[in-house]
Amino acid sequence: MSFVHYNGQKSPNAKYSYLVAPPSAGLFISGVRMAKSSININVDALIRLASFTRDLSEKQISQVKIRAISTLKRRLGAEASRQISEKILNLPPRVISGYLDVKADEQSITLTGSDQRPPISAFKPTWGGRTSPGVVATIWRDQGAVVLPHTFLRPGSKEVWQRIPTSRSKTQQVGQGRDSSRQVIQSAGALVGRLPIVVRKGPAMARAVYERKHGDIYPQLVEFGRNILSDEVSRLVDLLKNR
């Protein structure tokens, strides 16, 4: 039976990626840093593949697989960028796509989130004012605007700069009334090196791809990949049979 499967495992290169297998094996999603998690979903649309390819030669079936995978490879990155932008990170898809990588071979497609971190300037930050402890930015969609302590804007530079604090402390609620929901992330300095002033970075795209803490893109990506593979295989088989 064709199926969609998610199985968490530690990646040898510590990157986070989806693995989408070819139509003949169903749709396979493999992740990292989710060792105790697994999801298995029947994919009815792909069960019909046996009847699709029944009258084709092995060579023709191979051609169909390669072309279907190529189509999904071309579209998976754009769809993942759109979903991450819509549900997880306050970044436009065109920025997110630069931190995603899609690779394919005859057996699989892999979508990987980069370990690199986009600068806070990409999140369209604003200066909180003279009384603010730092720059204000919305990073995670579900978190809303946060104040990044020890950060500031320099004249003539689009980047957000940060003074390294000497110690860590947990995120705190600040302000009163309608401003009381604004958070100050006091632990931000622990993410950078020892220099006194650095360019402030956001979260690694790998976190957006695999962590479910701020949003879950698995169901939509699974559905998208399943539909693309099913429709493309059906279309290609029809073309071959009608030659």
Protein backbone atom coordinates (compact mmCIF):
# COMPACT_ATOMS: atom_id res chain seq x y z
CA MET A 1 0.00 0.00 0.00
CA SER A 2 1.26 3.46 -0.78
CA PHE A 3 1.75 5.67 2.23
CA VAL A 4 3.07 8.92 3.59
CA HIS A 5 5.58 8.38 6.37
CA TYR A 6 7.43 10.75 8.67
CA ASN A 7 10.17 9.27 10.78
CA GLY A 8 12.51 11.39 12.87
CA GLN A 9 16.19 10.56 12.88
CA LYS A 10 19.50 12.27 13.56
CA SER A 11 21.06 13.56 10.36
CA PRO A 12 24.78 12.76 9.91
CA ASN A 13 25.44 16.35 8.80
CA ALA A 14 23.12 17.85 11.45
CA LYS A 15 20.95 19.51 8.80
CA TYR A 16 17.18 19.28 8.73
CA SER A 17 15.47 17.99 5.64
CA TYR A 18 12.37 16.41 4.16
CA LEU A 19 12.86 13.31 2.04
CA VAL A 20 10.15 12.67 -0.54
CA ALA A 21 10.44 9.31 -2.27
CA PRO A 22 9.27 8.53 -5.84
CA PRO A 23 5.67 7.65 -6.76
CA SER A 24 6.30 3.90 -6.85
CA ALA A 25 7.06 3.94 -3.14
CA GLY A 26 4.40 6.42 -2.14
CA LEU A 27 5.42 9.66 -0.45
CA PHE A 28 8.11 9.46 2.21
CA ILE A 29 8.91 12.34 4.52
CA SER A 30 11.98 11.95 6.69
CA GLY A 31 13.17 14.44 9.28
CA VAL A 32 15.79 14.97 11.92
CA ARG A 33 15.85 15.76 15.64
CA MET A 34 12.43 14.16 16.04
CA ALA A 35 13.63 10.71 17.08
CA LYS A 36 10.50 9.82 19.04
CA SER A 37 8.05 11.03 16.43
CA SER A 38 6.46 9.19 13.53
CA ILE A 39 3.41 9.78 11.34
CA ASN A 40 1.98 7.29 8.87
CA ILE A 41 -0.81 8.34 6.48
CA ASN A 42 -2.40 6.30 3.70
CA VAL A 43 -2.28 8.10 0.36
CA ASP A 44 -5.23 6.89 -1.67
CA ALA A 45 -4.30 8.89 -4.77
CA LEU A 46 -1.03 6.99 -5.18
CA ILE A 47 -2.55 3.54 -4.78
CA ARG A 48 -3.83 3.88 -8.36
CA LEU A 49 -0.28 3.91 -9.70
CA ALA A 50 -0.34 0.16 -10.27
CA SER A 51 -3.15 0.51 -12.82
CA PHE A 52 -1.52 3.66 -14.28
CA THR A 53 1.68 1.86 -15.20
CA ARG A 54 0.28 -1.60 -15.91
CA ASP A 55 0.78 -1.41 -19.69
CA LEU A 56 4.13 0.39 -19.66
CA SER A 57 7.60 -1.04 -20.08
CA GLU A 58 10.21 -0.74 -17.34
CA LYS A 59 11.96 1.92 -19.41
CA GLN A 60 8.76 3.95 -19.71
CA ILE A 61 8.04 3.61 -16.00
CA SER A 62 11.54 4.86 -15.24
CA GLN A 63 10.98 7.86 -17.52
CA VAL A 64 7.72 8.68 -15.76
CA LYS A 65 9.37 8.52 -12.33
CA ILE A 66 12.27 10.76 -13.32
CA ARG A 67 10.05 13.40 -14.91
CA ALA A 68 7.55 13.35 -12.04
CA ILE A 69 10.34 13.79 -9.49
CA SER A 70 11.79 16.62 -11.57
CA THR A 71 8.43 18.40 -11.53
CA LEU A 72 8.07 18.05 -7.78
CA LYS A 73 11.65 19.21 -7.23
CA ARG A 74 10.94 22.36 -9.22
CA ARG A 75 7.82 23.19 -7.22
CA LEU A 76 8.54 21.91 -3.72
CA GLY A 77 10.93 24.70 -2.73
CA ALA A 78 8.52 27.43 -3.79
CA GLU A 79 5.63 25.78 -1.92
CA ALA A 80 7.71 25.30 1.23
CA SER A 81 8.82 28.96 1.07
CA ARG A 82 5.21 30.09 0.76
CA GLN A 83 4.05 27.98 3.69
CA ILE A 84 6.91 29.01 5.96
CA SER A 85 6.23 32.67 5.13
CA GLU A 86 2.50 32.29 5.74
CA LYS A 87 2.63 30.27 8.95
CA ILE A 88 6.01 30.47 10.64
CA LEU A 89 8.47 33.26 9.83
CA ASN A 90 7.74 36.91 9.13
CA LEU A 91 9.73 36.85 5.89
CA PRO A 92 8.63 36.99 2.24
CA PRO A 93 8.89 33.72 0.27
CA ARG A 94 11.62 35.13 -1.99
CA VAL A 95 13.88 35.61 1.05
CA ILE A 96 13.06 32.20 2.53
CA SER A 97 13.76 30.40 -0.75
CA GLY A 98 17.38 31.52 -0.57
CA TYR A 99 17.78 29.47 2.61
CA LEU A 100 16.17 26.29 1.24
CA ASP A 101 17.81 23.65 -0.92
CA VAL A 102 16.04 20.98 -2.99
CA LYS A 103 18.01 18.04 -4.38
CA ALA A 104 16.82 15.03 -6.36
CA ASP A 105 18.09 11.74 -7.74
CA GLU A 106 16.29 8.77 -9.30
CA GLN A 107 15.00 7.65 -5.92
CA SER A 108 14.23 10.71 -3.85
CA ILE A 109 13.82 14.44 -3.40
CA THR A 110 15.34 16.18 -0.39
CA LEU A 111 14.27 19.59 0.89
CA THR A 112 16.77 21.04 3.35
CA GLY A 113 16.62 24.12 5.55
CA SER A 114 19.94 25.93 5.84
CA ASP A 115 21.79 26.29 9.14
CA GLN A 116 22.52 29.88 8.13
CA ARG A 117 20.48 32.59 9.83
CA PRO A 118 18.95 35.55 7.99
CA PRO A 119 19.76 38.95 9.49
CA ILE A 120 17.17 40.66 11.64
CA SER A 121 17.09 43.45 9.05
CA ALA A 122 15.18 41.03 6.77
CA PHE A 123 12.30 41.04 9.27
CA LYS A 124 11.66 44.79 8.77
CA PRO A 125 12.52 45.91 12.32
CA THR A 126 11.71 49.30 13.78
CA TRP A 127 13.35 51.38 16.46
CA GLY A 128 11.36 51.23 19.66
CA GLY A 129 12.21 54.77 20.76
CA ARG A 130 14.62 56.36 23.21
CA THR A 131 13.08 54.56 26.17
CA SER A 132 13.12 51.15 24.47
CA PRO A 133 15.79 48.59 25.42
CA GLY A 134 16.24 47.66 21.76
CA VAL A 135 14.89 47.24 18.25
CA VAL A 136 11.35 45.90 17.74
CA ALA A 137 10.71 43.11 15.21
CA THR A 138 8.22 40.33 14.48
CA ILE A 139 10.24 37.18 13.84
CA TRP A 140 7.89 34.25 14.50
CA ARG A 141 4.34 34.76 13.25
CA ASP A 142 2.80 33.25 16.38
CA GLN A 143 4.91 35.36 18.72
CA GLY A 144 4.11 38.86 17.54
CA ALA A 145 6.39 41.88 17.97
CA VAL A 146 9.31 41.46 20.35
CA VAL A 147 11.94 43.82 21.67
CA LEU A 148 15.51 42.61 21.12
CA PRO A 149 17.56 44.03 23.99
CA HIS A 150 20.99 45.57 23.42
CA THR A 151 20.17 46.07 19.72
CA PHE A 152 20.25 49.32 17.79
CA LEU A 153 20.29 50.81 14.28
CA ARG A 154 23.35 52.58 12.92
CA PRO A 155 23.06 55.57 10.57
CA GLY A 156 23.94 54.51 7.04
CA SER A 157 23.51 50.78 7.75
CA LYS A 158 20.43 48.66 7.13
CA GLU A 159 21.57 45.98 9.60
CA VAL A 160 20.53 45.62 13.22
CA TRP A 161 23.50 45.67 15.58
CA GLN A 162 23.73 44.18 19.04
CA ARG A 163 25.83 44.78 22.12
CA ILE A 164 26.68 41.49 23.76
CA PRO A 165 25.22 41.21 27.27
CA THR A 166 27.40 39.74 30.00
CA SER A 167 24.85 37.19 31.17
CA ARG A 168 21.74 35.31 30.08
CA SER A 169 18.22 35.67 31.39
CA LYS A 170 14.86 34.39 30.24
CA THR A 171 12.40 36.17 27.98
CA GLN A 172 10.40 38.70 29.96
CA GLN A 173 7.11 40.53 29.50
CA VAL A 174 7.54 44.30 29.55
CA GLY A 175 5.27 47.32 29.44
CA GLN A 176 1.83 47.97 30.79
CA GLY A 177 -1.65 47.99 29.31
CA ARG A 178 -1.68 47.21 25.61
CA ASP A 179 2.14 47.05 25.59
CA SER A 180 2.27 44.33 28.24
CA SER A 181 2.28 41.56 25.62
CA ARG A 182 5.53 42.81 24.12
CA GLN A 183 8.37 40.48 24.96
CA VAL A 184 12.01 41.25 25.65
CA ILE A 185 14.29 38.41 24.60
CA GLN A 186 17.12 38.73 27.11
CA SER A 187 18.92 35.54 26.03
CA ALA A 188 19.70 36.80 22.52
CA GLY A 189 23.34 37.57 23.28
CA ALA A 190 24.14 33.91 23.89
CA LEU A 191 23.61 33.23 20.17
CA VAL A 192 26.62 35.20 18.96
CA GLY A 193 30.37 35.32 19.47
CA ARG A 194 32.49 37.30 21.91
CA LEU A 195 32.79 40.53 19.96
CA PRO A 196 31.24 43.49 21.80
CA ILE A 197 29.09 44.57 18.80
CA VAL A 198 27.77 42.22 16.11
CA VAL A 199 25.10 42.08 13.40
CA ARG A 200 21.99 40.54 14.96
CA LYS A 201 20.75 37.39 13.24
CA GLY A 202 17.40 35.63 13.23
CA PRO A 203 16.72 31.90 13.65
CA ALA A 204 18.25 29.34 11.30
CA MET A 205 15.93 28.33 8.47
CA ALA A 206 16.46 24.73 9.56
CA ARG A 207 14.39 25.47 12.67
CA ALA A 208 11.52 26.78 10.58
CA VAL A 209 11.61 23.66 8.41
CA TYR A 210 11.65 21.10 11.20
CA GLU A 211 10.60 22.50 14.54
CA ARG A 212 6.86 22.48 15.13
CA LYS A 213 7.06 24.95 18.01
CA HIS A 214 5.98 27.95 15.92
CA GLY A 215 3.90 26.24 13.22
CA ASP A 216 3.40 22.93 11.45
CA ILE A 217 3.87 22.78 7.68
CA TYR A 218 3.96 18.96 7.48
CA PRO A 219 0.31 18.30 6.56
CA GLN A 220 0.26 20.87 3.76
CA LEU A 221 3.61 19.78 2.30
CA VAL A 222 2.54 16.14 2.39
CA GLU A 223 -0.72 16.97 0.63
CA PHE A 224 1.04 19.17 -1.90
CA GLY A 225 3.68 16.55 -2.73
CA ARG A 226 1.12 13.77 -2.98
CA ASN A 227 -1.08 15.73 -5.36
CA ILE A 228 1.81 16.87 -7.57
CA LEU A 229 3.20 13.35 -7.90
CA SER A 230 -0.19 11.77 -8.51
CA ASP A 231 -1.29 14.33 -11.11
CA GLU A 232 2.05 14.38 -12.90
CA VAL A 233 2.34 10.59 -13.08
CA SER A 234 -1.20 10.35 -14.45
CA ARG A 235 -0.48 13.03 -17.06
CA LEU A 236 2.80 11.45 -18.18
CA VAL A 237 1.31 7.97 -18.43
CA ASP A 238 -1.54 9.31 -20.58
CA LEU A 239 0.99 10.96 -22.90
CA LEU A 240 2.93 7.73 -23.30
CA LYS A 241 -0.17 5.64 -23.96
CA ASN A 242 -1.51 8.09 -26.53
CA ARG A 243 1.65 8.24 -28.64
